[in-house]
Protein backbone atom coordinates (compact mmCIF):
# COMPACT_ATOMS: atom_id res chain seq x y z
CA MET A 1 268.67 180.98 51.98
CA ALA A 2 270.19 184.38 51.80
CA GLY A 3 268.92 187.44 53.61
CA ASN A 4 265.28 187.63 54.58
CA LYS A 5 263.97 185.16 52.01
CA SER A 6 261.77 182.86 54.05
CA ASN A 7 259.79 179.76 53.14
CA GLY A 8 257.31 180.03 56.02
CA TYR A 9 254.28 180.96 53.95
CA GLY A 10 255.22 178.40 51.29
CA ILE A 11 255.42 175.60 53.83
CA ALA A 12 252.14 176.71 55.39
CA SER A 13 250.54 176.77 51.95
CA LEU A 14 251.74 173.24 51.19
CA VAL A 15 250.61 171.88 54.56
CA LEU A 16 247.18 173.50 54.22
CA GLY A 17 246.85 172.23 50.66
CA ILE A 18 247.58 168.68 51.75
CA THR A 19 245.18 169.13 54.67
CA SER A 20 242.46 170.30 52.30
CA ILE A 21 242.89 167.16 50.18
CA VAL A 22 242.96 164.81 53.17
CA PHE A 23 239.93 166.42 54.83
CA CYS A 24 237.97 167.22 51.67
CA TRP A 25 235.12 165.00 52.91
CA VAL A 26 234.63 167.32 55.90
CA PRO A 27 232.89 170.31 54.27
CA VAL A 28 234.15 173.20 56.39
CA VAL A 29 237.68 171.95 57.11
CA GLY A 30 238.53 171.25 53.48
CA LEU A 31 237.14 174.54 52.21
CA VAL A 32 238.79 176.71 54.86
CA SER A 33 242.20 175.04 54.59
CA GLY A 34 242.07 175.26 50.80
CA VAL A 35 241.31 178.97 50.86
CA LEU A 36 243.98 179.62 53.49
CA GLY A 37 246.49 177.64 51.42
CA ILE A 38 245.82 179.92 48.44
CA VAL A 39 246.16 183.02 50.64
CA PHE A 40 249.51 181.85 52.02
CA HIS A 41 250.67 181.07 48.48
CA THR A 42 250.01 184.65 47.41
CA GLN A 43 251.86 185.97 50.48
CA GLN A 44 254.87 183.74 49.75
CA LYS A 45 254.82 184.75 46.08
CA LYS A 46 255.22 188.42 47.11
CA ILE A 47 258.23 187.64 49.32
CA PHE A 48 260.10 184.95 47.40
CA PRO A 49 258.37 182.69 44.86
CA ASN A 50 259.48 179.08 45.12
CA GLY A 51 258.37 175.52 44.45
CA LEU A 52 256.88 175.01 47.90
CA SER A 53 254.35 177.76 47.41
CA THR A 54 253.53 176.50 43.91
CA GLY A 55 252.97 173.02 45.29
CA GLY A 56 250.82 174.51 48.02
CA PHE A 57 248.78 176.40 45.44
CA VAL A 58 248.20 173.28 43.33
CA THR A 59 247.25 171.09 46.29
CA SER A 60 245.01 173.84 47.67
CA ILE A 61 243.15 174.13 44.37
CA ILE A 62 242.71 170.36 44.16
CA GLY A 63 241.51 170.19 47.77
CA LEU A 64 239.19 173.14 47.24
CA VAL A 65 237.59 171.52 44.18
CA PHE A 66 237.14 168.19 45.99
CA SER A 67 235.76 169.96 49.07
CA ALA A 68 233.29 171.93 46.96
CA MET A 69 232.13 168.72 45.27
CA TYR A 70 231.65 166.95 48.60
CA SER A 71 229.90 169.99 50.09
CA LEU A 72 227.47 170.10 47.16
CA MET A 73 226.93 166.35 47.49
CA TRP A 74 226.10 166.69 51.20
CA LEU A 75 223.85 169.67 50.54
CA LEU A 76 221.98 167.75 47.84
CA PHE A 77 221.71 164.74 50.14
CA LEU A 78 220.27 166.85 52.97
CA ILE A 79 217.76 168.48 50.63
CA LEU A 80 216.61 165.12 49.32
CA VAL A 81 216.31 163.62 52.80
CA SER A 82 214.42 166.59 54.20
CA SER A 83 211.98 166.62 51.28
CA GLY A 84 211.17 162.95 51.84
CA ALA A 85 212.22 161.78 48.38
């Protein structure tokens, strides 16, 4: 790497994206890490776009979608259980 081109945000984006996929079944953890992964991707893209940040963006989107699906599933489950159905 030359000069001040850093991969810090790209690595953080990739790690958070993987975390959002692994913990997608935990509603808050998957959603928060997915959103943070996307935020770090945009920060890295402003500094020096690279493959790490793109990978982080893709994994964050996948984790965010899975987390949203699981969150909706849990919400629906809680509504059904509380209504006595």
